[in-house]
């Protein structure tokens, strides 16, 4: 059994796996830093929404109505 060849991971596979992990970490850090900016934007939007006046409910204007179409009768 000692003479069996040992399996080695290809250097390219190891390199690509490391690159994927580094990319994932970079995106995670980027997203983590963006949460502060997003929270600040939500707070600003909430303050701006409180400053808006209450508007009355919109209603449709009174418009002329078309009469019902005649119902065709079989002959």
C-alpha atoms as a PDB file:
ATOM      1  CA  UNK A   1       0.000   0.000   0.000  1.00  0.00           C
ATOM      2  CA  UNK A   2       2.924   2.335   0.481  1.00  0.00           C
ATOM      3  CA  UNK A   3       3.646   2.210  -3.230  1.00  0.00           C
ATOM      4  CA  UNK A   4       0.243   3.652  -4.193  1.00  0.00           C
ATOM      5  CA  UNK A   5       0.563   7.080  -5.851  1.00  0.00           C
ATOM      6  CA  UNK A   6      -0.590   9.948  -3.661  1.00  0.00           C
ATOM      7  CA  UNK A   7      -3.306  12.171  -5.094  1.00  0.00           C
ATOM      8  CA  UNK A   8      -2.268  15.790  -5.401  1.00  0.00           C
ATOM      9  CA  UNK A   9      -4.533  18.711  -6.077  1.00  0.00           C
ATOM     10  CA  UNK A  10      -3.615  20.492  -9.252  1.00  0.00           C
ATOM     11  CA  UNK A  11      -1.929  23.842  -8.584  1.00  0.00           C
ATOM     12  CA  UNK A  12      -4.375  25.552 -10.947  1.00  0.00           C
ATOM     13  CA  UNK A  13      -7.362  24.193  -9.041  1.00  0.00           C
ATOM     14  CA  UNK A  14      -5.868  25.382  -5.760  1.00  0.00           C
ATOM     15  CA  UNK A  15      -5.123  28.799  -7.251  1.00  0.00           C
ATOM     16  CA  UNK A  16      -8.654  29.185  -8.606  1.00  0.00           C
ATOM     17  CA  UNK A  17     -10.187  28.075  -5.303  1.00  0.00           C
ATOM     18  CA  UNK A  18      -8.098  30.667  -3.470  1.00  0.00           C
ATOM     19  CA  UNK A  19      -9.095  33.361  -5.961  1.00  0.00           C
ATOM     20  CA  UNK A  20     -12.781  32.516  -5.479  1.00  0.00           C
ATOM     21  CA  UNK A  21     -12.406  32.684  -1.694  1.00  0.00           C
ATOM     22  CA  UNK A  22     -10.628  36.040  -1.908  1.00  0.00           C
ATOM     23  CA  UNK A  23     -13.320  37.397  -4.224  1.00  0.00           C
ATOM     24  CA  UNK A  24     -16.032  36.238  -1.827  1.00  0.00           C
ATOM     25  CA  UNK A  25     -14.245  37.895   1.104  1.00  0.00           C
ATOM     26  CA  UNK A  26     -13.837  41.115  -0.859  1.00  0.00           C
ATOM     27  CA  UNK A  27     -17.523  41.191  -1.769  1.00  0.00           C
ATOM     28  CA  UNK A  28     -18.491  40.451   1.827  1.00  0.00           C
ATOM     29  CA  UNK A  29     -16.358  43.332   3.114  1.00  0.00           C
ATOM     30  CA  UNK A  30     -17.745  45.638   0.421  1.00  0.00           C
ATOM     31  CA  UNK A  31     -21.321  44.718   1.384  1.00  0.00           C
ATOM     32  CA  UNK A  32     -20.541  45.152   5.082  1.00  0.00           C
ATOM     33  CA  UNK A  33     -19.259  48.680   4.463  1.00  0.00           C
ATOM     34  CA  UNK A  34     -22.335  49.507   2.382  1.00  0.00           C
ATOM     35  CA  UNK A  35     -24.725  48.723   5.245  1.00  0.00           C
ATOM     36  CA  UNK A  36     -23.771  51.934   7.066  1.00  0.00           C
ATOM     37  CA  UNK A  37     -24.502  54.040   3.979  1.00  0.00           C
ATOM     38  CA  UNK A  38     -27.799  52.242   3.417  1.00  0.00           C
ATOM     39  CA  UNK A  39     -28.864  52.741   7.034  1.00  0.00           C
ATOM     40  CA  UNK A  40     -27.990  56.432   6.794  1.00  0.00           C
ATOM     41  CA  UNK A  41     -30.102  56.732   3.640  1.00  0.00           C
ATOM     42  CA  UNK A  42     -33.050  55.046   5.341  1.00  0.00           C
ATOM     43  CA  UNK A  43     -32.834  57.458   8.276  1.00  0.00           C
ATOM     44  CA  UNK A  44     -32.744  60.468   5.943  1.00  0.00           C
ATOM     45  CA  UNK A  45     -35.713  59.145   3.950  1.00  0.00           C
ATOM     46  CA  UNK A  46     -37.703  58.527   7.147  1.00  0.00           C
ATOM     47  CA  UNK A  47     -37.089  62.097   8.327  1.00  0.00           C
ATOM     48  CA  UNK A  48     -38.092  63.462   4.921  1.00  0.00           C
ATOM     49  CA  UNK A  49     -41.273  61.367   4.923  1.00  0.00           C
ATOM     50  CA  UNK A  50     -42.268  62.752   8.332  1.00  0.00           C
ATOM     51  CA  UNK A  51     -41.940  66.297   7.007  1.00  0.00           C
ATOM     52  CA  UNK A  52     -44.455  65.721   4.199  1.00  0.00           C
ATOM     53  CA  UNK A  53     -47.956  67.094   4.775  1.00  0.00           C
ATOM     54  CA  UNK A  54     -50.925  64.743   4.924  1.00  0.00           C
ATOM     55  CA  UNK A  55     -52.726  64.807   1.598  1.00  0.00           C
ATOM     56  CA  UNK A  56     -56.406  63.976   1.147  1.00  0.00           C
ATOM     57  CA  UNK A  57     -57.342  60.695  -0.491  1.00  0.00           C
ATOM     58  CA  UNK A  58     -57.483  61.074  -4.273  1.00  0.00           C
ATOM     59  CA  UNK A  59     -60.939  60.744  -5.832  1.00  0.00           C
ATOM     60  CA  UNK A  60     -61.923  60.193  -9.409  1.00  0.00           C
ATOM     61  CA  UNK A  61     -63.623  63.205 -10.977  1.00  0.00           C
ATOM     62  CA  UNK A  62     -67.285  62.999 -11.904  1.00  0.00           C
ATOM     63  CA  UNK A  63     -67.315  62.106 -15.552  1.00  0.00           C
ATOM     64  CA  UNK A  64     -70.127  61.474 -18.003  1.00  0.00           C
ATOM     65  CA  UNK A  65     -71.118  57.844 -18.093  1.00  0.00           C
ATOM     66  CA  UNK A  66     -71.799  55.921 -21.260  1.00  0.00           C
ATOM     67  CA  UNK A  67     -75.173  54.206 -21.373  1.00  0.00           C
ATOM     68  CA  UNK A  68     -75.238  50.442 -21.296  1.00  0.00           C
ATOM     69  CA  UNK A  69     -75.005  48.887 -24.743  1.00  0.00           C
ATOM     70  CA  UNK A  70     -78.164  47.216 -26.067  1.00  0.00           C
ATOM     71  CA  UNK A  71     -78.299  43.482 -25.631  1.00  0.00           C
ATOM     72  CA  UNK A  72     -78.619  41.740 -29.016  1.00  0.00           C
ATOM     73  CA  UNK A  73     -81.582  39.397 -29.278  1.00  0.00           C
ATOM     74  CA  UNK A  74     -81.641  36.372 -31.564  1.00  0.00           C
ATOM     75  CA  UNK A  75     -84.143  36.547 -34.457  1.00  0.00           C
END
